[in-house]
């Protein structure tokens, strides 16, 4: 029974690899400065993870941020 559970967990994580983007990459996509991205992260508007001394943003989180802003602008 324990093996079944661990197999299911392994299968659920296989296809869900996130792509992490640097602050510079996010800034390039948004066409803003890196400082603007840092402000969004510090304000809690854009989720990020600290890896060592740098921050990374999941591409899914950036997509969600943009989708939320797009629907509110209409």
PDB file of N, CA and C in Angstrom:
ATOM      1  N   UNK A   1       0.822  -1.196   0.000  1.00  0.00           N
ATOM      2  CA  UNK A   1       0.000   0.000   0.000  1.00  0.00           C
ATOM      3  C   UNK A   1       0.866   1.259   0.000  1.00  0.00           C
ATOM      4  N   UNK A   2       1.923   1.275   0.731  1.00  0.00           N
ATOM      5  CA  UNK A   2       2.806   2.429   0.754  1.00  0.00           C
ATOM      6  C   UNK A   2       3.454   2.632  -0.606  1.00  0.00           C
ATOM      7  N   UNK A   3       3.799   1.545  -1.291  1.00  0.00           N
ATOM      8  CA  UNK A   3       4.410   1.650  -2.605  1.00  0.00           C
ATOM      9  C   UNK A   3       3.462   2.312  -3.598  1.00  0.00           C
ATOM     10  N   UNK A   4       2.165   1.980  -3.526  1.00  0.00           N
ATOM     11  CA  UNK A   4       1.194   2.574  -4.433  1.00  0.00           C
ATOM     12  C   UNK A   4       1.149   4.089  -4.251  1.00  0.00           C
ATOM     13  N   UNK A   5       1.162   4.521  -3.011  1.00  0.00           N
ATOM     14  CA  UNK A   5       1.094   5.945  -2.723  1.00  0.00           C
ATOM     15  C   UNK A   5       2.322   6.677  -3.261  1.00  0.00           C
ATOM     16  N   UNK A   6       3.500   6.119  -3.043  1.00  0.00           N
ATOM     17  CA  UNK A   6       4.714   6.775  -3.516  1.00  0.00           C
ATOM     18  C   UNK A   6       4.785   6.759  -5.039  1.00  0.00           C
ATOM     19  N   UNK A   7       4.288   5.707  -5.684  1.00  0.00           N
ATOM     20  CA  UNK A   7       4.254   5.674  -7.145  1.00  0.00           C
ATOM     21  C   UNK A   7       3.355   6.777  -7.692  1.00  0.00           C
ATOM     22  N   UNK A   8       2.213   6.981  -7.059  1.00  0.00           N
ATOM     23  CA  UNK A   8       1.289   8.019  -7.491  1.00  0.00           C
ATOM     24  C   UNK A   8       1.918   9.389  -7.329  1.00  0.00           C
ATOM     25  N   UNK A   9       2.607   9.617  -6.225  1.00  0.00           N
ATOM     26  CA  UNK A   9       3.254  10.897  -5.992  1.00  0.00           C
ATOM     27  C   UNK A   9       4.354  11.134  -7.021  1.00  0.00           C
ATOM     28  N   UNK A  10       5.113  10.106  -7.345  1.00  0.00           N
ATOM     29  CA  UNK A  10       6.187  10.241  -8.323  1.00  0.00           C
ATOM     30  C   UNK A  10       5.606  10.572  -9.698  1.00  0.00           C
ATOM     31  N   UNK A  11       4.493   9.937 -10.049  1.00  0.00           N
ATOM     32  CA  UNK A  11       3.878  10.201 -11.344  1.00  0.00           C
ATOM     33  C   UNK A  11       3.334  11.624 -11.410  1.00  0.00           C
ATOM     34  N   UNK A  12       2.789  12.134 -10.313  1.00  0.00           N
ATOM     35  CA  UNK A  12       2.218  13.469 -10.344  1.00  0.00           C
ATOM     36  C   UNK A  12       3.290  14.541 -10.462  1.00  0.00           C
ATOM     37  N   UNK A  13       4.514  14.257 -10.056  1.00  0.00           N
ATOM     38  CA  UNK A  13       5.585  15.244 -10.141  1.00  0.00           C
ATOM     39  C   UNK A  13       6.380  15.147 -11.436  1.00  0.00           C
ATOM     40  N   UNK A  14       6.226  14.065 -12.190  1.00  0.00           N
ATOM     41  CA  UNK A  14       7.017  13.875 -13.402  1.00  0.00           C
ATOM     42  C   UNK A  14       6.735  14.940 -14.455  1.00  0.00           C
ATOM     43  N   UNK A  15       5.479  15.227 -14.715  1.00  0.00           N
ATOM     44  CA  UNK A  15       5.125  16.145 -15.789  1.00  0.00           C
ATOM     45  C   UNK A  15       4.958  17.580 -15.350  1.00  0.00           C
ATOM     46  N   UNK A  16       5.303  17.922 -14.129  1.00  0.00           N
ATOM     47  CA  UNK A  16       5.053  19.267 -13.626  1.00  0.00           C
ATOM     48  C   UNK A  16       6.352  20.004 -13.308  1.00  0.00           C
ATOM     49  N   UNK A  17       7.278  20.000 -14.236  1.00  0.00           N
ATOM     50  CA  UNK A  17       8.514  20.741 -14.019  1.00  0.00           C
ATOM     51  C   UNK A  17       8.271  22.203 -14.325  1.00  0.00           C
ATOM     52  N   UNK A  18       8.565  23.050 -13.358  1.00  0.00           N
ATOM     53  CA  UNK A  18       8.395  24.482 -13.534  1.00  0.00           C
ATOM     54  C   UNK A  18       9.656  25.078 -14.130  1.00  0.00           C
ATOM     55  N   UNK A  19       9.468  26.075 -14.948  1.00  0.00           N
ATOM     56  CA  UNK A  19      10.604  26.819 -15.476  1.00  0.00           C
ATOM     57  C   UNK A  19      10.755  28.063 -14.626  1.00  0.00           C
ATOM     58  N   UNK A  20      11.918  28.237 -14.053  1.00  0.00           N
ATOM     59  CA  UNK A  20      12.194  29.402 -13.230  1.00  0.00           C
ATOM     60  C   UNK A  20      12.908  30.454 -14.055  1.00  0.00           C
ATOM     61  N   UNK A  21      12.474  31.685 -13.886  1.00  0.00           N
ATOM     62  CA  UNK A  21      13.036  32.799 -14.648  1.00  0.00           C
ATOM     63  C   UNK A  21      13.764  33.742 -13.704  1.00  0.00           C
ATOM     64  N   UNK A  22      14.835  34.344 -14.196  1.00  0.00           N
ATOM     65  CA  UNK A  22      15.540  35.346 -13.416  1.00  0.00           C
ATOM     66  C   UNK A  22      14.747  36.647 -13.440  1.00  0.00           C
ATOM     67  N   UNK A  23      15.120  37.552 -12.561  1.00  0.00           N
ATOM     68  CA  UNK A  23      14.474  38.862 -12.530  1.00  0.00           C
ATOM     69  C   UNK A  23      14.692  39.577 -13.862  1.00  0.00           C
ATOM     70  N   UNK A  24      15.867  39.434 -14.430  1.00  0.00           N
ATOM     71  CA  UNK A  24      16.154  40.051 -15.724  1.00  0.00           C
ATOM     72  C   UNK A  24      15.281  39.505 -16.832  1.00  0.00           C
ATOM     73  N   UNK A  25      15.047  38.190 -16.827  1.00  0.00           N
ATOM     74  CA  UNK A  25      14.182  37.582 -17.839  1.00  0.00           C
ATOM     75  C   UNK A  25      12.744  38.061 -17.689  1.00  0.00           C
ATOM     76  N   UNK A  26      12.276  38.154 -16.442  1.00  0.00           N
ATOM     77  CA  UNK A  26      10.914  38.638 -16.193  1.00  0.00           C
ATOM     78  C   UNK A  26      10.800  40.085 -16.666  1.00  0.00           C
ATOM     79  N   UNK A  27      11.801  40.897 -16.350  1.00  0.00           N
ATOM     80  CA  UNK A  27      11.793  42.295 -16.767  1.00  0.00           C
ATOM     81  C   UNK A  27      11.741  42.405 -18.285  1.00  0.00           C
ATOM     82  N   UNK A  28      12.467  41.531 -18.963  1.00  0.00           N
ATOM     83  CA  UNK A  28      12.472  41.547 -20.424  1.00  0.00           C
ATOM     84  C   UNK A  28      11.101  41.190 -20.985  1.00  0.00           C
ATOM     85  N   UNK A  29      10.453  40.196 -20.410  1.00  0.00           N
ATOM     86  CA  UNK A  29       9.121  39.788 -20.871  1.00  0.00           C
ATOM     87  C   UNK A  29       8.113  40.915 -20.654  1.00  0.00           C
ATOM     88  N   UNK A  30       8.183  41.546 -19.480  1.00  0.00           N
ATOM     89  CA  UNK A  30       7.246  42.613 -19.152  1.00  0.00           C
ATOM     90  C   UNK A  30       7.630  43.955 -19.783  1.00  0.00           C
ATOM     91  N   UNK A  31       8.852  44.035 -20.289  1.00  0.00           N
ATOM     92  CA  UNK A  31       9.391  45.261 -20.862  1.00  0.00           C
ATOM     93  C   UNK A  31       9.412  46.392 -19.843  1.00  0.00           C
ATOM     94  N   UNK A  32       9.913  46.037 -18.650  1.00  0.00           N
ATOM     95  CA  UNK A  32      10.096  47.001 -17.564  1.00  0.00           C
ATOM     96  C   UNK A  32      11.514  46.828 -17.026  1.00  0.00           C
ATOM     97  N   UNK A  33      11.894  47.648 -16.072  1.00  0.00           N
ATOM     98  CA  UNK A  33      13.224  47.534 -15.486  1.00  0.00           C
ATOM     99  C   UNK A  33      13.251  46.412 -14.444  1.00  0.00           C
ATOM    100  N   UNK A  34      14.439  45.954 -14.129  1.00  0.00           N
ATOM    101  CA  UNK A  34      14.599  44.944 -13.084  1.00  0.00           C
ATOM    102  C   UNK A  34      14.090  45.465 -11.751  1.00  0.00           C
ATOM    103  N   UNK A  35      14.287  46.752 -11.488  1.00  0.00           N
ATOM    104  CA  UNK A  35      13.826  47.349 -10.227  1.00  0.00           C
ATOM    105  C   UNK A  35      12.307  47.237 -10.104  1.00  0.00           C
ATOM    106  N   UNK A  36      11.591  47.396 -11.196  1.00  0.00           N
ATOM    107  CA  UNK A  36      10.135  47.250 -11.169  1.00  0.00           C
ATOM    108  C   UNK A  36       9.748  45.832 -10.777  1.00  0.00           C
ATOM    109  N   UNK A  37      10.460  44.841 -11.291  1.00  0.00           N
ATOM    110  CA  UNK A  37      10.186  43.445 -10.940  1.00  0.00           C
ATOM    111  C   UNK A  37      10.463  43.223  -9.463  1.00  0.00           C
ATOM    112  N   UNK A  38      11.572  43.760  -8.954  1.00  0.00           N
ATOM    113  CA  UNK A  38      11.872  43.637  -7.523  1.00  0.00           C
ATOM    114  C   UNK A  38      10.767  44.282  -6.685  1.00  0.00           C
ATOM    115  N   UNK A  39      10.247  45.403  -7.132  1.00  0.00           N
ATOM    116  CA  UNK A  39       9.155  46.067  -6.400  1.00  0.00           C
ATOM    117  C   UNK A  39       7.894  45.197  -6.384  1.00  0.00           C
ATOM    118  N   UNK A  40       7.579  44.571  -7.525  1.00  0.00           N
ATOM    119  CA  UNK A  40       6.412  43.680  -7.581  1.00  0.00           C
ATOM    120  C   UNK A  40       6.578  42.500  -6.623  1.00  0.00           C
ATOM    121  N   UNK A  41       7.784  41.969  -6.571  1.00  0.00           N
ATOM    122  CA  UNK A  41       8.060  40.837  -5.680  1.00  0.00           C
ATOM    123  C   UNK A  41       7.952  41.274  -4.224  1.00  0.00           C
ATOM    124  N   UNK A  42       8.591  42.400  -3.883  1.00  0.00           N
ATOM    125  CA  UNK A  42       8.569  42.886  -2.500  1.00  0.00           C
ATOM    126  C   UNK A  42       7.173  43.281  -2.041  1.00  0.00           C
ATOM    127  N   UNK A  43       6.333  43.725  -2.969  1.00  0.00           N
ATOM    128  CA  UNK A  43       4.958  44.099  -2.634  1.00  0.00           C
ATOM    129  C   UNK A  43       4.054  42.877  -2.494  1.00  0.00           C
ATOM    130  N   UNK A  44       4.563  41.704  -2.867  1.00  0.00           N
ATOM    131  CA  UNK A  44       3.761  40.494  -2.778  1.00  0.00           C
ATOM    132  C   UNK A  44       2.849  40.279  -3.967  1.00  0.00           C
ATOM    133  N   UNK A  45       2.993  41.085  -4.999  1.00  0.00           N
ATOM    134  CA  UNK A  45       2.146  40.950  -6.180  1.00  0.00           C
ATOM    135  C   UNK A  45       2.615  39.835  -7.110  1.00  0.00           C
ATOM    136  N   UNK A  46       3.909  39.553  -7.081  1.00  0.00           N
ATOM    137  CA  UNK A  46       4.492  38.532  -7.938  1.00  0.00           C
ATOM    138  C   UNK A  46       5.278  37.558  -7.062  1.00  0.00           C
ATOM    139  N   UNK A  47       4.819  36.303  -6.954  1.00  0.00           N
ATOM    140  CA  UNK A  47       5.520  35.330  -6.110  1.00  0.00           C
ATOM    141  C   UNK A  47       6.913  35.008  -6.655  1.00  0.00           C
ATOM    142  N   UNK A  48       7.847  34.820  -5.748  1.00  0.00           N
ATOM    143  CA  UNK A  48       9.216  34.481  -6.140  1.00  0.00           C
ATOM    144  C   UNK A  48       9.825  33.594  -5.060  1.00  0.00           C
ATOM    145  N   UNK A  49      10.872  32.904  -5.448  1.00  0.00           N
ATOM    146  CA  UNK A  49      11.603  32.058  -4.508  1.00  0.00           C
ATOM    147  C   UNK A  49      13.054  32.507  -4.514  1.00  0.00           C
ATOM    148  N   UNK A  50      13.657  32.509  -3.345  1.00  0.00           N
ATOM    149  CA  UNK A  50      15.060  32.892  -3.239  1.00  0.00           C
ATOM    150  C   UNK A  50      15.909  31.638  -3.371  1.00  0.00           C
ATOM    151  N   UNK A  51      16.838  31.675  -4.301  1.00  0.00           N
ATOM    152  CA  UNK A  51      17.784  30.582  -4.491  1.00  0.00           C
ATOM    153  C   UNK A  51      19.164  31.194  -4.312  1.00  0.00           C
ATOM    154  N   UNK A  52      19.787  30.863  -3.203  1.00  0.00           N
ATOM    155  CA  UNK A  52      21.052  31.512  -2.876  1.00  0.00           C
ATOM    156  C   UNK A  52      20.788  32.976  -2.603  1.00  0.00           C
ATOM    157  N   UNK A  53      21.478  33.831  -3.337  1.00  0.00           N
ATOM    158  CA  UNK A  53      21.296  35.277  -3.153  1.00  0.00           C
ATOM    159  C   UNK A  53      20.399  35.892  -4.212  1.00  0.00           C
ATOM    160  N   UNK A  54      19.891  35.089  -5.127  1.00  0.00           N
ATOM    161  CA  UNK A  54      19.067  35.635  -6.208  1.00  0.00           C
ATOM    162  C   UNK A  54      17.626  35.164  -6.105  1.00  0.00           C
ATOM    163  N   UNK A  55      16.749  35.858  -6.806  1.00  0.00           N
ATOM    164  CA  UNK A  55      15.331  35.522  -6.822  1.00  0.00           C
ATOM    165  C   UNK A  55      14.979  34.885  -8.158  1.00  0.00           C
ATOM    166  N   UNK A  56      14.037  33.955  -8.112  1.00  0.00           N
ATOM    167  CA  UNK A  56      13.536  33.312  -9.320  1.00  0.00           C
ATOM    168  C   UNK A  56      12.009  33.339  -9.285  1.00  0.00           C
ATOM    169  N   UNK A  57      11.415  33.482 -10.463  1.00  0.00           N
ATOM    170  CA  UNK A  57       9.967  33.523 -10.606  1.00  0.00           C
ATOM    171  C   UNK A  57       9.559  32.375 -11.506  1.00  0.00           C
ATOM    172  N   UNK A  58       8.567  31.599 -11.077  1.00  0.00           N
ATOM    173  CA  UNK A  58       8.065  30.524 -11.937  1.00  0.00           C
ATOM    174  C   UNK A  58       7.305  31.131 -13.101  1.00  0.00           C
ATOM    175  N   UNK A  59       7.474  30.552 -14.270  1.00  0.00           N
ATOM    176  CA  UNK A  59       6.782  31.073 -15.450  1.00  0.00           C
ATOM    177  C   UNK A  59       5.265  31.018 -15.265  1.00  0.00           C
ATOM    178  N   UNK A  60       4.774  30.006 -14.547  1.00  0.00           N
ATOM    179  CA  UNK A  60       3.330  29.904 -14.287  1.00  0.00           C
ATOM    180  C   UNK A  60       2.843  31.084 -13.449  1.00  0.00           C
ATOM    181  N   UNK A  61       3.664  31.511 -12.476  1.00  0.00           N
ATOM    182  CA  UNK A  61       3.275  32.643 -11.637  1.00  0.00           C
ATOM    183  C   UNK A  61       3.257  33.936 -12.434  1.00  0.00           C
ATOM    184  N   UNK A  62       4.195  34.093 -13.351  1.00  0.00           N
ATOM    185  CA  UNK A  62       4.198  35.275 -14.210  1.00  0.00           C
ATOM    186  C   UNK A  62       2.970  35.275 -15.120  1.00  0.00           C
ATOM    187  N   UNK A  63       2.643  34.118 -15.685  1.00  0.00           N
ATOM    188  CA  UNK A  63       1.449  34.011 -16.528  1.00  0.00           C
ATOM    189  C   UNK A  63       0.189  34.352 -15.740  1.00  0.00           C
ATOM    190  N   UNK A  64       0.108  33.863 -14.509  1.00  0.00           N
ATOM    191  CA  UNK A  64      -1.058  34.136 -13.663  1.00  0.00           C
ATOM    192  C   UNK A  64      -1.135  35.629 -13.331  1.00  0.00           C
ATOM    193  N   UNK A  65       0.007  36.230 -13.015  1.00  0.00           N
ATOM    194  CA  UNK A  65       0.046  37.665 -12.718  1.00  0.00           C
ATOM    195  C   UNK A  65      -0.484  38.465 -13.907  1.00  0.00           C
ATOM    196  N   UNK A  66      -0.009  38.135 -15.095  1.00  0.00           N
ATOM    197  CA  UNK A  66      -0.451  38.849 -16.297  1.00  0.00           C
ATOM    198  C   UNK A  66      -1.934  38.622 -16.582  1.00  0.00           C
ATOM    199  N   UNK A  67      -2.392  37.399 -16.417  1.00  0.00           N
ATOM    200  CA  UNK A  67      -3.808  37.099 -16.665  1.00  0.00           C
ATOM    201  C   UNK A  67      -4.710  37.854 -15.699  1.00  0.00           C
ATOM    202  N   UNK A  68      -4.309  37.937 -14.435  1.00  0.00           N
ATOM    203  CA  UNK A  68      -5.100  38.665 -13.452  1.00  0.00           C
ATOM    204  C   UNK A  68      -5.174  40.152 -13.788  1.00  0.00           C
ATOM    205  N   UNK A  69      -4.076  40.713 -14.246  1.00  0.00           N
ATOM    206  CA  UNK A  69      -4.053  42.133 -14.570  1.00  0.00           C
ATOM    207  C   UNK A  69      -4.825  42.399 -15.859  1.00  0.00           C
ATOM    208  N   UNK A  70      -4.765  41.492 -16.781  1.00  0.00           N
ATOM    209  CA  UNK A  70      -5.457  41.668 -18.055  1.00  0.00           C
ATOM    210  C   UNK A  70      -6.973  41.707 -17.854  1.00  0.00           C
ATOM    211  N   UNK A  71      -7.499  40.800 -17.048  1.00  0.00           N
ATOM    212  CA  UNK A  71      -8.943  40.749 -16.846  1.00  0.00           C
ATOM    213  C   UNK A  71      -9.439  41.944 -16.053  1.00  0.00           C
ATOM    214  N   UNK A  72      -8.612  42.511 -15.181  1.00  0.00           N
ATOM    215  CA  UNK A  72      -9.019  43.673 -14.396  1.00  0.00           C
ATOM    216  C   UNK A  72      -8.987  44.949 -15.221  1.00  0.00           C
ATOM    217  N   UNK A  73      -8.189  44.966 -16.271  1.00  0.00           N
ATOM    218  CA  UNK A  73      -8.056  46.175 -17.078  1.00  0.00           C
ATOM    219  C   UNK A  73      -9.255  46.407 -17.986  1.00  0.00           C
ATOM    220  N   UNK A  74     -10.016  45.350 -18.289  1.00  0.00           N
ATOM    221  CA  UNK A  74     -11.107  45.448 -19.242  1.00  0.00           C
ATOM    222  C   UNK A  74     -12.279  46.138 -18.710  1.00  0.00           C
TER     223      UNK A  74
END
